[in-house]
Amino acid sequence: MSKSSREPRSGPTRPTPPSWALQVHLLTKRVAPDALVNPVLVINLILALLFLVVYDGTVGGLSVVVNIAGGNYYNFILPAAILAAAVGGGAAGLLLVSDLQSGYFYRQLTMPIQRSAMITSLMIVSAFQVALQAGVVIGVAILLGAEPQTGILGIACLIGLAFAWGIGFAAYSIAIAILTRDVQMTAAANLIFIPLIFLSPLLIPYHYLKPWMQLAADINPTRYVMEGMRSLLITGWDGQLLVKALVASMVFGAVMSAAAVATSRIRLPGMYR
């Protein structure tokens, strides 16, 4: 018996994937150009600015409301406009649906790429979009009369909270995109966060809400993010409110990210998990 016949035959070797960080970096570079030209983001930004202007032009004209809101209604309503702009994080799901329908995402599944890296790249790009939109909304609000009490550093914290919230919203949109694989269903599911904004201290402070509305706000993470942002604009540095806002954003992001990764592993076949 020859030596070659005694040697066990080995199957095809599985290629060694690049590091997870490198995967995220390369995928982010690929996704970013498509995300920046998405017309949905422009439309969403316009709606967020309308949100800011319309509510100040209506409720902001009532002196009693302005007094209980801290004297400057732009400061009070600005966080709601920022959170409305955060709906732009849903672009992550729309980009994913496009890749699913074109077959590109399925080709990626045959490559040595981890699903968490694919999802993370979409989340990062969408969160940066949310932060950019938040910066534009804040800039317009300042031009209109908003006066942040914590200055430039406070504005940076506002944008940081918007980024953290955008991570969770993007992950939610990705999970919906994988489940439905449909543009219209994904876009419609993104609108669920509009009611969450209204089920929070949107127009007046929390302690002026009726008991049933306070209960709804208590279980709504949007409330804590909104109140943390308002503290930066109206009262100054409030560590307790800022911690609650950051924790709410991080917990929301962690839960939605886990849901997105789990959904991809269940619904999308492939070698690399």
C-alpha atoms as a PDB file:
ATOM      1  CA  MET A   1       0.000   0.000   0.000  1.00  0.00           C
ATOM      2  CA  SER A   2       1.456   3.312  -1.044  1.00  0.00           C
ATOM      3  CA  LYS A   3       2.035   6.133   1.401  1.00  0.00           C
ATOM      4  CA  SER A   4      -0.431   8.389  -0.407  1.00  0.00           C
ATOM      5  CA  SER A   5      -3.224   5.847  -0.082  1.00  0.00           C
ATOM      6  CA  ARG A   6      -2.678   5.569   3.686  1.00  0.00           C
ATOM      7  CA  GLU A   7      -3.021   9.336   4.251  1.00  0.00           C
ATOM      8  CA  PRO A   8      -6.564  10.400   5.219  1.00  0.00           C
ATOM      9  CA  ARG A   9      -8.318  12.588   2.765  1.00  0.00           C
ATOM     10  CA  SER A  10      -9.259  15.963   4.112  1.00  0.00           C
ATOM     11  CA  GLY A  11     -12.278  17.922   2.979  1.00  0.00           C
ATOM     12  CA  PRO A  12     -12.247  21.519   1.793  1.00  0.00           C
ATOM     13  CA  THR A  13     -10.715  23.822   4.339  1.00  0.00           C
ATOM     14  CA  ARG A  14     -12.833  26.596   5.738  1.00  0.00           C
ATOM     15  CA  PRO A  15     -11.195  29.976   5.066  1.00  0.00           C
ATOM     16  CA  THR A  16     -10.028  31.908   8.079  1.00  0.00           C
ATOM     17  CA  PRO A  17     -12.143  35.064   8.363  1.00  0.00           C
ATOM     18  CA  PRO A  18     -10.573  38.453   9.058  1.00  0.00           C
ATOM     19  CA  SER A  19     -10.985  39.920  12.524  1.00  0.00           C
ATOM     20  CA  TRP A  20     -14.453  41.075  13.545  1.00  0.00           C
ATOM     21  CA  ALA A  21     -13.308  44.702  13.784  1.00  0.00           C
ATOM     22  CA  LEU A  22     -11.878  44.586  10.257  1.00  0.00           C
ATOM     23  CA  GLN A  23     -15.109  43.050   8.967  1.00  0.00           C
ATOM     24  CA  VAL A  24     -17.128  45.871  10.519  1.00  0.00           C
ATOM     25  CA  HIS A  25     -14.734  48.472   9.091  1.00  0.00           C
ATOM     26  CA  LEU A  26     -14.901  47.125   5.540  1.00  0.00           C
ATOM     27  CA  LEU A  27     -18.660  46.632   5.605  1.00  0.00           C
ATOM     28  CA  THR A  28     -19.200  50.122   7.009  1.00  0.00           C
ATOM     29  CA  LYS A  29     -17.148  51.622   4.157  1.00  0.00           C
ATOM     30  CA  ARG A  30     -19.319  49.741   1.705  1.00  0.00           C
ATOM     31  CA  VAL A  31     -22.664  50.742   3.288  1.00  0.00           C
ATOM     32  CA  ALA A  32     -21.926  54.420   4.022  1.00  0.00           C
ATOM     33  CA  PRO A  33     -22.128  55.824   0.447  1.00  0.00           C
ATOM     34  CA  ASP A  34     -25.544  54.240  -0.167  1.00  0.00           C
ATOM     35  CA  ALA A  35     -26.824  55.461   3.184  1.00  0.00           C
ATOM     36  CA  LEU A  36     -25.782  59.069   2.624  1.00  0.00           C
ATOM     37  CA  VAL A  37     -27.792  59.391  -0.588  1.00  0.00           C
ATOM     38  CA  ASN A  38     -30.950  57.814   0.803  1.00  0.00           C
ATOM     39  CA  PRO A  39     -33.823  60.281   0.125  1.00  0.00           C
ATOM     40  CA  VAL A  40     -35.709  58.954   3.157  1.00  0.00           C
ATOM     41  CA  LEU A  41     -33.224  60.768   5.388  1.00  0.00           C
ATOM     42  CA  VAL A  42     -33.933  64.135   3.783  1.00  0.00           C
ATOM     43  CA  ILE A  43     -37.671  63.639   4.117  1.00  0.00           C
ATOM     44  CA  ASN A  44     -37.303  62.590   7.739  1.00  0.00           C
ATOM     45  CA  LEU A  45     -35.121  65.614   8.530  1.00  0.00           C
ATOM     46  CA  ILE A  46     -37.717  67.955   7.025  1.00  0.00           C
ATOM     47  CA  LEU A  47     -40.444  66.322   9.130  1.00  0.00           C
ATOM     48  CA  ALA A  48     -38.330  66.712  12.290  1.00  0.00           C
ATOM     49  CA  LEU A  49     -37.809  70.416  11.569  1.00  0.00           C
ATOM     50  CA  LEU A  50     -41.535  70.831  10.932  1.00  0.00           C
ATOM     51  CA  PHE A  51     -42.134  69.094  14.256  1.00  0.00           C
ATOM     52  CA  LEU A  52     -39.958  71.696  15.947  1.00  0.00           C
ATOM     53  CA  VAL A  53     -41.468  74.736  14.247  1.00  0.00           C
ATOM     54  CA  VAL A  54     -45.136  73.703  14.292  1.00  0.00           C
ATOM     55  CA  TYR A  55     -45.280  72.835  17.981  1.00  0.00           C
ATOM     56  CA  ASP A  56     -43.529  76.031  18.978  1.00  0.00           C
ATOM     57  CA  GLY A  57     -45.877  77.985  16.727  1.00  0.00           C
ATOM     58  CA  THR A  58     -48.946  76.461  18.389  1.00  0.00           C
ATOM     59  CA  VAL A  59     -48.375  75.372  21.991  1.00  0.00           C
ATOM     60  CA  GLY A  60     -45.330  77.633  22.344  1.00  0.00           C
ATOM     61  CA  GLY A  61     -47.579  80.646  21.973  1.00  0.00           C
ATOM     62  CA  LEU A  62     -49.366  79.956  25.272  1.00  0.00           C
ATOM     63  CA  SER A  63     -47.699  81.808  28.120  1.00  0.00           C
ATOM     64  CA  VAL A  64     -48.895  79.323  30.750  1.00  0.00           C
ATOM     65  CA  VAL A  65     -47.289  76.449  28.815  1.00  0.00           C
ATOM     66  CA  VAL A  66     -44.072  78.383  28.278  1.00  0.00           C
ATOM     67  CA  ASN A  67     -43.848  79.141  32.009  1.00  0.00           C
ATOM     68  CA  ILE A  68     -44.246  75.532  33.123  1.00  0.00           C
ATOM     69  CA  ALA A  69     -41.826  74.420  30.384  1.00  0.00           C
ATOM     70  CA  GLY A  70     -39.027  76.618  31.669  1.00  0.00           C
ATOM     71  CA  GLY A  71     -39.481  79.905  29.840  1.00  0.00           C
ATOM     72  CA  ASN A  72     -38.139  78.920  26.418  1.00  0.00           C
ATOM     73  CA  TYR A  73     -40.348  76.484  24.544  1.00  0.00           C
ATOM     74  CA  TYR A  74     -37.710  75.781  21.913  1.00  0.00           C
ATOM     75  CA  ASN A  75     -35.535  74.326  24.680  1.00  0.00           C
ATOM     76  CA  PHE A  76     -38.450  72.201  25.823  1.00  0.00           C
ATOM     77  CA  ILE A  77     -39.626  70.840  22.457  1.00  0.00           C
ATOM     78  CA  LEU A  78     -36.162  70.372  20.901  1.00  0.00           C
ATOM     79  CA  PRO A  79     -35.573  66.868  22.386  1.00  0.00           C
ATOM     80  CA  ALA A  80     -38.853  65.677  20.884  1.00  0.00           C
ATOM     81  CA  ALA A  81     -37.706  66.927  17.469  1.00  0.00           C
ATOM     82  CA  ILE A  82     -34.358  65.145  17.929  1.00  0.00           C
ATOM     83  CA  LEU A  83     -36.122  61.875  18.764  1.00  0.00           C
ATOM     84  CA  ALA A  84     -38.399  62.348  15.771  1.00  0.00           C
ATOM     85  CA  ALA A  85     -35.272  62.712  13.630  1.00  0.00           C
ATOM     86  CA  ALA A  86     -34.002  59.454  15.141  1.00  0.00           C
ATOM     87  CA  VAL A  87     -36.608  57.625  13.072  1.00  0.00           C
ATOM     88  CA  GLY A  88     -34.015  58.090  10.317  1.00  0.00           C
ATOM     89  CA  GLY A  89     -32.218  55.159  11.927  1.00  0.00           C
ATOM     90  CA  GLY A  90     -34.797  53.037  10.163  1.00  0.00           C
ATOM     91  CA  ALA A  91     -32.744  53.531   6.996  1.00  0.00           C
ATOM     92  CA  ALA A  92     -30.677  50.559   8.195  1.00  0.00           C
ATOM     93  CA  GLY A  93     -33.613  48.245   7.673  1.00  0.00           C
ATOM     94  CA  LEU A  94     -34.401  49.723   4.278  1.00  0.00           C
ATOM     95  CA  LEU A  95     -30.798  49.241   3.142  1.00  0.00           C
ATOM     96  CA  LEU A  96     -30.893  45.646   4.333  1.00  0.00           C
ATOM     97  CA  VAL A  97     -34.141  44.938   2.483  1.00  0.00           C
ATOM     98  CA  SER A  98     -32.536  46.314  -0.683  1.00  0.00           C
ATOM     99  CA  ASP A  99     -29.576  43.956  -0.260  1.00  0.00           C
ATOM    100  CA  LEU A 100     -31.898  41.017   0.444  1.00  0.00           C
ATOM    101  CA  GLN A 101     -34.004  41.666  -2.634  1.00  0.00           C
ATOM    102  CA  SER A 102     -30.969  42.116  -4.889  1.00  0.00           C
ATOM    103  CA  GLY A 103     -29.364  38.944  -3.534  1.00  0.00           C
ATOM    104  CA  TYR A 104     -26.225  40.755  -2.363  1.00  0.00           C
ATOM    105  CA  PHE A 105     -26.816  39.948   1.300  1.00  0.00           C
ATOM    106  CA  TYR A 106     -27.143  36.234   0.511  1.00  0.00           C
ATOM    107  CA  ARG A 107     -23.800  36.347  -1.314  1.00  0.00           C
ATOM    108  CA  GLN A 108     -22.288  37.855   1.816  1.00  0.00           C
ATOM    109  CA  LEU A 109     -23.585  34.892   3.819  1.00  0.00           C
ATOM    110  CA  THR A 110     -21.366  32.574   1.747  1.00  0.00           C
ATOM    111  CA  MET A 111     -18.293  34.590   2.690  1.00  0.00           C
ATOM    112  CA  PRO A 112     -16.297  34.322   5.953  1.00  0.00           C
ATOM    113  CA  ILE A 113     -18.211  37.241   7.466  1.00  0.00           C
ATOM    114  CA  GLN A 114     -19.971  37.138  10.818  1.00  0.00           C
ATOM    115  CA  ARG A 115     -23.614  38.170  10.825  1.00  0.00           C
ATOM    116  CA  SER A 116     -23.045  40.402  13.832  1.00  0.00           C
ATOM    117  CA  ALA A 117     -20.468  42.331  11.765  1.00  0.00           C
ATOM    118  CA  MET A 118     -22.962  42.823   8.919  1.00  0.00           C
ATOM    119  CA  ILE A 119     -25.603  44.085  11.321  1.00  0.00           C
ATOM    120  CA  THR A 120     -23.182  46.235  13.340  1.00  0.00           C
ATOM    121  CA  SER A 121     -21.978  48.053  10.220  1.00  0.00           C
ATOM    122  CA  LEU A 122     -25.554  48.987   9.319  1.00  0.00           C
ATOM    123  CA  MET A 123     -26.242  50.108  12.889  1.00  0.00           C
ATOM    124  CA  ILE A 124     -23.138  52.300  13.044  1.00  0.00           C
ATOM    125  CA  VAL A 125     -23.879  54.062   9.761  1.00  0.00           C
ATOM    126  CA  SER A 126     -27.513  54.667  10.720  1.00  0.00           C
ATOM    127  CA  ALA A 127     -26.572  55.919  14.191  1.00  0.00           C
ATOM    128  CA  PHE A 128     -24.150  58.408  12.640  1.00  0.00           C
ATOM    129  CA  GLN A 129     -26.972  59.543  10.360  1.00  0.00           C
ATOM    130  CA  VAL A 130     -29.171  60.098  13.395  1.00  0.00           C
ATOM    131  CA  ALA A 131     -26.391  62.074  15.103  1.00  0.00           C
ATOM    132  CA  LEU A 132     -25.904  64.189  11.973  1.00  0.00           C
ATOM    133  CA  GLN A 133     -29.616  64.899  11.735  1.00  0.00           C
ATOM    134  CA  ALA A 134     -29.704  65.754  15.436  1.00  0.00           C
ATOM    135  CA  GLY A 135     -26.898  68.243  14.885  1.00  0.00           C
ATOM    136  CA  VAL A 136     -28.836  69.925  12.076  1.00  0.00           C
ATOM    137  CA  VAL A 137     -32.024  70.082  14.161  1.00  0.00           C
ATOM    138  CA  ILE A 138     -30.122  71.562  17.123  1.00  0.00           C
ATOM    139  CA  GLY A 139     -28.470  74.135  14.877  1.00  0.00           C
ATOM    140  CA  VAL A 140     -31.808  75.243  13.421  1.00  0.00           C
ATOM    141  CA  ALA A 141     -33.364  75.376  16.901  1.00  0.00           C
ATOM    142  CA  ILE A 142     -30.552  77.631  18.151  1.00  0.00           C
ATOM    143  CA  LEU A 143     -31.048  79.944  15.168  1.00  0.00           C
ATOM    144  CA  LEU A 144     -34.759  80.103  16.022  1.00  0.00           C
ATOM    145  CA  GLY A 145     -34.148  80.927  19.691  1.00  0.00           C
ATOM    146  CA  ALA A 146     -33.147  77.832  21.669  1.00  0.00           C
ATOM    147  CA  GLU A 147     -30.583  78.553  24.399  1.00  0.00           C
ATOM    148  CA  PRO A 148     -28.893  75.401  25.749  1.00  0.00           C
ATOM    149  CA  GLN A 149     -27.906  75.985  29.369  1.00  0.00           C
ATOM    150  CA  THR A 150     -24.913  73.645  29.198  1.00  0.00           C
ATOM    151  CA  GLY A 151     -23.227  75.210  26.153  1.00  0.00           C
ATOM    152  CA  ILE A 152     -21.140  73.386  23.575  1.00  0.00           C
ATOM    153  CA  LEU A 153     -20.436  70.410  25.842  1.00  0.00           C
ATOM    154  CA  GLY A 154     -24.158  69.998  26.458  1.00  0.00           C
ATOM    155  CA  ILE A 155     -24.822  70.038  22.715  1.00  0.00           C
ATOM    156  CA  ALA A 156     -22.204  67.313  22.291  1.00  0.00           C
ATOM    157  CA  CYS A 157     -24.019  65.259  24.958  1.00  0.00           C
ATOM    158  CA  LEU A 158     -27.316  65.774  23.121  1.00  0.00           C
ATOM    159  CA  ILE A 159     -25.788  64.415  19.934  1.00  0.00           C
ATOM    160  CA  GLY A 160     -24.224  61.535  21.875  1.00  0.00           C
ATOM    161  CA  LEU A 161     -27.589  60.540  23.325  1.00  0.00           C
ATOM    162  CA  ALA A 162     -29.107  60.747  19.845  1.00  0.00           C
ATOM    163  CA  PHE A 163     -26.350  58.437  18.570  1.00  0.00           C
ATOM    164  CA  ALA A 164     -26.971  55.921  21.381  1.00  0.00           C
ATOM    165  CA  TRP A 165     -30.718  55.966  20.751  1.00  0.00           C
ATOM    166  CA  GLY A 166     -30.110  55.626  16.993  1.00  0.00           C
ATOM    167  CA  ILE A 167     -28.180  52.390  17.571  1.00  0.00           C
ATOM    168  CA  GLY A 168     -31.235  50.759  19.111  1.00  0.00           C
ATOM    169  CA  PHE A 169     -33.633  52.085  16.531  1.00  0.00           C
ATOM    170  CA  ALA A 170     -31.416  50.885  13.691  1.00  0.00           C
ATOM    171  CA  ALA A 171     -31.219  47.398  15.235  1.00  0.00           C
ATOM    172  CA  TYR A 172     -35.005  47.295  15.574  1.00  0.00           C
ATOM    173  CA  SER A 173     -35.379  48.244  11.921  1.00  0.00           C
ATOM    174  CA  ILE A 174     -32.901  45.526  10.885  1.00  0.00           C
ATOM    175  CA  ALA A 175     -34.830  42.863  12.800  1.00  0.00           C
ATOM    176  CA  ILE A 176     -38.065  43.917  11.106  1.00  0.00           C
ATOM    177  CA  ALA A 177     -36.349  43.924   7.705  1.00  0.00           C
ATOM    178  CA  ILE A 178     -35.125  40.346   8.189  1.00  0.00           C
ATOM    179  CA  LEU A 179     -38.557  39.169   9.333  1.00  0.00           C
ATOM    180  CA  THR A 180     -40.555  40.830   6.547  1.00  0.00           C
ATOM    181  CA  ARG A 181     -38.014  41.265   3.708  1.00  0.00           C
ATOM    182  CA  ASP A 182     -40.336  43.945   2.418  1.00  0.00           C
ATOM    183  CA  VAL A 183     -39.665  47.680   2.002  1.00  0.00           C
ATOM    184  CA  GLN A 184     -43.200  48.815   2.756  1.00  0.00           C
ATOM    185  CA  MET A 185     -43.572  46.630   5.847  1.00  0.00           C
ATOM    186  CA  THR A 186     -40.214  47.776   7.188  1.00  0.00           C
ATOM    187  CA  ALA A 187     -41.014  51.445   6.594  1.00  0.00           C
ATOM    188  CA  ALA A 188     -44.422  51.040   8.242  1.00  0.00           C
ATOM    189  CA  ALA A 189     -42.924  49.268  11.275  1.00  0.00           C
ATOM    190  CA  ASN A 190     -40.487  52.160  11.755  1.00  0.00           C
ATOM    191  CA  LEU A 191     -43.435  54.481  12.338  1.00  0.00           C
ATOM    192  CA  ILE A 192     -44.287  52.668  15.585  1.00  0.00           C
ATOM    193  CA  PHE A 193     -41.889  55.020  17.360  1.00  0.00           C
ATOM    194  CA  ILE A 194     -43.961  58.069  16.525  1.00  0.00           C
ATOM    195  CA  PRO A 195     -46.682  56.993  19.018  1.00  0.00           C
ATOM    196  CA  LEU A 196     -43.953  56.375  21.613  1.00  0.00           C
ATOM    197  CA  ILE A 197     -42.955  60.034  21.337  1.00  0.00           C
ATOM    198  CA  PHE A 198     -46.550  61.066  21.969  1.00  0.00           C
ATOM    199  CA  LEU A 199     -46.826  58.671  24.941  1.00  0.00           C
ATOM    200  CA  SER A 200     -44.179  60.680  26.774  1.00  0.00           C
ATOM    201  CA  PRO A 201     -43.942  64.174  28.293  1.00  0.00           C
ATOM    202  CA  LEU A 202     -44.055  65.647  24.809  1.00  0.00           C
ATOM    203  CA  LEU A 203     -45.827  68.986  25.227  1.00  0.00           C
ATOM    204  CA  ILE A 204     -45.732  69.535  29.005  1.00  0.00           C
ATOM    205  CA  PRO A 205     -43.578  68.246  31.920  1.00  0.00           C
ATOM    206  CA  TYR A 206     -44.221  64.756  33.300  1.00  0.00           C
ATOM    207  CA  HIS A 207     -45.861  65.837  36.585  1.00  0.00           C
ATOM    208  CA  TYR A 208     -48.611  67.665  34.675  1.00  0.00           C
ATOM    209  CA  LEU A 209     -49.721  64.522  32.859  1.00  0.00           C
ATOM    210  CA  LYS A 210     -52.839  62.609  33.882  1.00  0.00           C
ATOM    211  CA  PRO A 211     -52.209  59.398  35.897  1.00  0.00           C
ATOM    212  CA  TRP A 212     -52.831  57.011  32.976  1.00  0.00           C
ATOM    213  CA  MET A 213     -50.470  59.026  30.809  1.00  0.00           C
ATOM    214  CA  GLN A 214     -47.821  59.008  33.529  1.00  0.00           C
ATOM    215  CA  LEU A 215     -48.120  55.217  33.689  1.00  0.00           C
ATOM    216  CA  ALA A 216     -47.618  54.951  29.937  1.00  0.00           C
ATOM    217  CA  ALA A 217     -44.611  57.273  30.162  1.00  0.00           C
ATOM    218  CA  ASP A 218     -43.090  55.269  33.033  1.00  0.00           C
ATOM    219  CA  ILE A 219     -42.693  52.167  30.846  1.00  0.00           C
ATOM    220  CA  ASN A 220     -41.682  54.162  27.790  1.00  0.00           C
ATOM    221  CA  PRO A 221     -37.878  54.510  27.380  1.00  0.00           C
ATOM    222  CA  THR A 222     -38.464  57.594  25.229  1.00  0.00           C
ATOM    223  CA  ARG A 223     -39.470  59.516  28.361  1.00  0.00           C
ATOM    224  CA  TYR A 224     -36.089  59.080  30.059  1.00  0.00           C
ATOM    225  CA  VAL A 225     -34.102  60.035  26.967  1.00  0.00           C
ATOM    226  CA  MET A 226     -36.300  63.095  26.433  1.00  0.00           C
ATOM    227  CA  GLU A 227     -36.016  64.241  30.051  1.00  0.00           C
ATOM    228  CA  GLY A 228     -32.250  63.753  30.051  1.00  0.00           C
ATOM    229  CA  MET A 229     -31.951  65.899  26.935  1.00  0.00           C
ATOM    230  CA  ARG A 230     -34.214  68.568  28.434  1.00  0.00           C
ATOM    231  CA  SER A 231     -32.058  68.783  31.534  1.00  0.00           C
ATOM    232  CA  LEU A 232     -29.120  69.748  29.312  1.00  0.00           C
ATOM    233  CA  LEU A 233     -31.191  72.458  27.662  1.00  0.00           C
ATOM    234  CA  ILE A 234     -33.223  73.884  30.553  1.00  0.00           C
ATOM    235  CA  THR A 235     -31.838  73.170  34.033  1.00  0.00           C
ATOM    236  CA  GLY A 236     -28.165  72.408  33.453  1.00  0.00           C
ATOM    237  CA  TRP A 237     -26.171  69.302  34.401  1.00  0.00           C
ATOM    238  CA  ASP A 238     -28.390  66.778  36.177  1.00  0.00           C
ATOM    239  CA  GLY A 239     -26.461  63.570  36.721  1.00  0.00           C
ATOM    240  CA  GLN A 240     -29.473  61.487  37.720  1.00  0.00           C
ATOM    241  CA  LEU A 241     -31.517  62.352  34.620  1.00  0.00           C
ATOM    242  CA  LEU A 242     -28.520  61.910  32.326  1.00  0.00           C
ATOM    243  CA  VAL A 243     -27.744  58.471  33.758  1.00  0.00           C
ATOM    244  CA  LYS A 244     -31.360  57.410  33.262  1.00  0.00           C
ATOM    245  CA  ALA A 245     -31.258  58.663  29.675  1.00  0.00           C
ATOM    246  CA  LEU A 246     -28.016  56.820  28.933  1.00  0.00           C
ATOM    247  CA  VAL A 247     -29.176  53.595  30.604  1.00  0.00           C
ATOM    248  CA  ALA A 248     -32.501  53.681  28.728  1.00  0.00           C
ATOM    249  CA  SER A 249     -30.672  54.156  25.422  1.00  0.00           C
ATOM    250  CA  MET A 250     -28.104  51.437  26.157  1.00  0.00           C
ATOM    251  CA  VAL A 251     -30.651  48.867  27.346  1.00  0.00           C
ATOM    252  CA  PHE A 252     -32.852  49.585  24.345  1.00  0.00           C
ATOM    253  CA  GLY A 253     -29.845  49.256  22.034  1.00  0.00           C
ATOM    254  CA  ALA A 254     -28.643  46.013  23.647  1.00  0.00           C
ATOM    255  CA  VAL A 255     -32.071  44.353  23.486  1.00  0.00           C
ATOM    256  CA  MET A 256     -32.680  45.375  19.880  1.00  0.00           C
ATOM    257  CA  SER A 257     -29.157  44.380  18.802  1.00  0.00           C
ATOM    258  CA  ALA A 258     -29.569  40.935  20.333  1.00  0.00           C
ATOM    259  CA  ALA A 259     -32.947  40.603  18.601  1.00  0.00           C
ATOM    260  CA  ALA A 260     -31.452  41.598  15.241  1.00  0.00           C
ATOM    261  CA  VAL A 261     -28.563  39.096  15.491  1.00  0.00           C
ATOM    262  CA  ALA A 262     -30.844  36.291  16.718  1.00  0.00           C
ATOM    263  CA  THR A 263     -33.328  36.964  13.930  1.00  0.00           C
ATOM    264  CA  SER A 264     -30.581  36.842  11.313  1.00  0.00           C
ATOM    265  CA  ARG A 265     -29.345  33.482  12.596  1.00  0.00           C
ATOM    266  CA  ILE A 266     -32.832  31.980  12.594  1.00  0.00           C
ATOM    267  CA  ARG A 267     -34.191  33.418   9.354  1.00  0.00           C
ATOM    268  CA  LEU A 268     -31.097  33.580   7.132  1.00  0.00           C
ATOM    269  CA  PRO A 269     -29.163  30.372   6.353  1.00  0.00           C
ATOM    270  CA  GLY A 270     -25.418  30.399   6.008  1.00  0.00           C
ATOM    271  CA  MET A 271     -22.148  28.831   7.183  1.00  0.00           C
ATOM    272  CA  TYR A 272     -20.823  31.726   9.219  1.00  0.00           C
ATOM    273  CA  ARG A 273     -22.885  32.718  12.254  1.00  0.00           C
END
